[in-house]
Amino acid sequence: MEMESPEPTRIMVAVNESSLKGYPHPSISSRSAFIWTVEKIIRSNVTGFKLLFLHAQVPDEDCFDDMDSIYASPQDFNDMNEKDKIRGIHLLEYFVGHCHEIGISCEAWVKKGDPKDVICSEVKRIQPDLLVVGSRGLGPFQRVFVGTVSEFCVKHAECPVITIKRKVDDVPQDPVED
């Protein structure tokens, strides 16, 4: 009996930029989640997995960050949207580049919106086998004000979810900064 080669296990990894360094630098939590996934799940079985990198980009609150004037033409808004998209793509290059170095098949894309909603709706649309999200390790006090994307995804994503905590030596003095 000849066995068909199975489809690779599809793991979605939600990634974001560093709040300290900004684009194109990945957050500590995103890097930790990616490294953990490669080291603990994929190991040497690079053909058995496909990584799906999703970056949920929060739209600028006021949309005027890069503009000198509040008088904006439609082209100004198009330019800003294009600039944001490019910054998100540069963030994803970090992960895609590492996957290519080690021979792991991957896809990556950027969606705008609240990360909690974007991640859960993309899980519903893409239907990965597993979702991996980094966790900043916020205490109960900070969690009330910041909320956590990882907790929301554990409750609402329509697939198994693994949250990866940062290593103690990776935690900045202010855990809100990542």
Protein backbone atom coordinates (compact mmCIF):
# COMPACT_ATOMS: atom_id res chain seq x y z
CA MET A 1 0.00 0.00 0.00
CA GLU A 2 1.50 3.32 -1.11
CA MET A 3 1.09 6.24 1.31
CA GLU A 4 0.35 9.67 -0.08
CA SER A 5 2.57 12.35 1.34
CA PRO A 6 0.38 14.28 3.76
CA GLU A 7 -0.31 17.99 3.48
CA PRO A 8 2.06 20.00 5.67
CA THR A 9 0.77 21.13 9.06
CA ARG A 10 -0.14 24.80 8.71
CA ILE A 11 0.90 26.97 11.65
CA MET A 12 -0.20 30.60 11.74
CA VAL A 13 2.17 32.85 13.68
CA ALA A 14 0.85 36.29 14.59
CA VAL A 15 3.69 38.84 14.61
CA ASN A 16 4.04 42.52 15.46
CA GLU A 17 6.66 45.24 15.45
CA SER A 18 8.80 46.26 18.43
CA SER A 19 7.17 49.04 20.43
CA LEU A 20 10.65 50.35 21.29
CA LYS A 21 12.41 50.16 17.92
CA GLY A 22 9.36 50.29 15.63
CA TYR A 23 9.33 48.90 12.10
CA PRO A 24 10.95 46.79 10.69
CA HIS A 25 12.05 45.26 14.01
CA PRO A 26 9.93 42.37 15.31
CA SER A 27 8.80 42.45 18.93
CA ILE A 28 10.55 40.26 21.48
CA SER A 29 7.33 38.23 21.79
CA SER A 30 7.08 37.67 18.03
CA ARG A 31 10.70 36.54 17.75
CA SER A 32 10.26 34.24 20.77
CA ALA A 33 7.10 32.67 19.30
CA PHE A 34 8.83 32.09 15.94
CA ILE A 35 12.01 30.62 17.47
CA TRP A 36 10.00 28.37 19.81
CA THR A 37 7.87 27.11 16.91
CA VAL A 38 10.96 26.27 14.84
CA GLU A 39 12.90 24.67 17.70
CA LYS A 40 10.10 22.78 19.47
CA ILE A 41 7.56 21.90 16.77
CA ILE A 42 9.25 21.90 13.38
CA ARG A 43 12.70 20.76 14.56
CA SER A 44 14.28 19.07 11.52
CA ASN A 45 10.98 18.22 9.78
CA VAL A 46 10.98 21.32 7.57
CA THR A 47 8.87 19.72 4.84
CA GLY A 48 6.14 18.69 7.29
CA PHE A 49 5.14 22.27 8.10
CA LYS A 50 4.13 25.53 6.49
CA LEU A 51 4.30 28.76 8.49
CA LEU A 52 1.71 31.47 7.88
CA PHE A 53 2.87 34.85 9.20
CA LEU A 54 0.15 37.40 9.89
CA HIS A 55 0.89 40.96 10.88
CA ALA A 56 -2.16 42.85 12.14
CA GLN A 57 -1.30 46.49 11.63
CA VAL A 58 -3.07 48.97 13.89
CA PRO A 59 -4.11 52.01 11.82
CA ASP A 60 -2.63 55.34 12.99
CA GLU A 61 -5.01 56.97 15.44
CA ASP A 62 -4.98 60.39 13.78
CA CYS A 63 -3.70 59.43 10.30
CA PHE A 64 -1.53 62.56 10.21
CA ASP A 65 1.70 61.19 11.69
CA ASP A 66 3.83 61.78 8.61
CA MET A 67 2.22 64.96 7.37
CA ASP A 68 3.13 68.60 7.88
CA SER A 69 -0.37 69.91 7.35
CA ILE A 70 -3.90 68.95 8.23
CA TYR A 71 -4.88 69.82 4.66
CA ALA A 72 -4.71 66.43 3.02
CA SER A 73 -5.45 65.40 -0.49
CA PRO A 74 -6.73 61.92 -1.35
CA GLN A 75 -3.22 61.22 -2.67
CA ASP A 76 -1.74 62.05 0.76
CA PHE A 77 -3.93 59.36 2.31
CA ASN A 78 -3.01 56.86 -0.42
CA ASP A 79 0.67 57.62 0.17
CA MET A 80 0.29 57.06 3.94
CA ASN A 81 -1.53 53.76 3.42
CA GLU A 82 1.19 52.63 1.01
CA LYS A 83 3.93 53.64 3.48
CA ASP A 84 2.22 51.67 6.29
CA LYS A 85 1.87 48.64 4.06
CA ILE A 86 5.57 48.79 3.13
CA ARG A 87 6.56 49.04 6.82
CA GLY A 88 4.47 45.94 7.58
CA ILE A 89 6.04 44.05 4.68
CA HIS A 90 9.54 44.93 5.94
CA LEU A 91 8.60 43.47 9.33
CA LEU A 92 7.49 40.23 7.66
CA GLU A 93 10.79 40.05 5.71
CA TYR A 94 12.55 39.16 8.97
CA PHE A 95 10.48 35.98 9.40
CA VAL A 96 10.27 35.02 5.72
CA GLY A 97 14.05 35.44 5.35
CA HIS A 98 14.73 33.11 8.28
CA CYS A 99 12.28 30.52 6.92
CA HIS A 100 14.04 30.52 3.56
CA GLU A 101 17.43 30.11 5.26
CA ILE A 102 16.27 26.94 7.01
CA GLY A 103 14.05 25.64 4.21
CA ILE A 104 10.61 26.08 5.77
CA SER A 105 7.74 26.84 3.40
CA CYS A 106 5.88 30.02 4.40
CA GLU A 107 3.44 32.74 3.45
CA ALA A 108 3.11 36.20 4.99
CA TRP A 109 0.61 39.03 4.78
CA VAL A 110 -0.50 42.27 6.46
CA LYS A 111 -4.06 43.14 7.50
CA LYS A 112 -5.17 46.41 9.06
CA GLY A 113 -7.27 46.59 12.20
CA ASP A 114 -7.47 45.61 15.84
CA PRO A 115 -5.04 42.67 16.25
CA LYS A 116 -7.51 40.59 18.30
CA ASP A 117 -10.21 40.83 15.65
CA VAL A 118 -7.85 40.53 12.68
CA ILE A 119 -6.14 37.40 14.01
CA CYS A 120 -9.40 35.62 14.84
CA SER A 121 -11.02 36.52 11.51
CA GLU A 122 -7.92 35.37 9.59
CA VAL A 123 -7.93 32.09 11.54
CA LYS A 124 -11.54 31.63 10.47
CA ARG A 125 -10.70 32.48 6.83
CA ILE A 126 -7.40 30.53 6.49
CA GLN A 127 -8.20 27.63 8.87
CA PRO A 128 -4.67 26.85 10.07
CA ASP A 129 -4.04 23.71 12.11
CA LEU A 130 -2.55 25.78 14.94
CA LEU A 131 -2.12 29.43 15.96
CA VAL A 132 1.03 30.57 17.78
CA VAL A 133 1.07 33.98 19.50
CA GLY A 134 3.66 35.60 21.70
CA SER A 135 2.72 36.81 25.15
CA ARG A 136 4.27 39.86 26.78
CA GLY A 137 3.79 38.50 30.30
CA LEU A 138 1.80 41.44 31.62
CA GLY A 139 0.82 41.44 35.28
CA PRO A 140 -2.87 41.60 36.28
CA PHE A 141 -2.75 45.40 36.73
CA GLN A 142 -1.32 46.05 33.25
CA ARG A 143 -3.62 43.48 31.69
CA VAL A 144 -6.68 45.49 32.80
CA PHE A 145 -5.48 48.55 30.89
CA VAL A 146 -3.69 46.97 27.95
CA GLY A 147 -5.73 43.79 27.47
CA THR A 148 -3.99 40.88 25.87
CA VAL A 149 -4.26 39.68 22.33
CA SER A 150 -3.07 36.21 23.33
CA GLU A 151 -5.84 35.72 25.94
CA PHE A 152 -8.47 36.88 23.45
CA CYS A 153 -7.17 34.48 20.79
CA VAL A 154 -7.15 31.54 23.23
CA LYS A 155 -10.85 32.18 23.92
CA HIS A 156 -12.05 33.09 20.41
CA ALA A 157 -9.81 31.61 17.69
CA GLU A 158 -11.33 28.63 15.89
CA CYS A 159 -8.24 26.41 16.18
CA PRO A 160 -5.82 25.30 18.91
CA VAL A 161 -3.71 28.20 20.23
CA ILE A 162 -0.27 28.13 21.83
CA THR A 163 0.94 31.25 23.64
CA ILE A 164 4.68 31.62 24.05
CA LYS A 165 5.89 33.58 27.06
CA ARG A 166 9.05 35.60 26.79
CA LYS A 167 12.15 34.29 28.52
CA VAL A 168 12.96 36.09 31.77
CA ASP A 169 16.16 37.56 30.30
CA ASP A 170 14.20 38.90 27.29
CA VAL A 171 11.79 40.98 29.38
CA PRO A 172 12.44 44.72 29.24
CA GLN A 173 12.10 46.79 32.43
CA ASP A 174 8.64 47.93 31.37
CA PRO A 175 6.82 44.82 30.09
CA VAL A 176 4.37 46.95 28.10
CA GLU A 177 7.33 47.80 25.86
CA ASP A 178 8.15 44.97 23.52
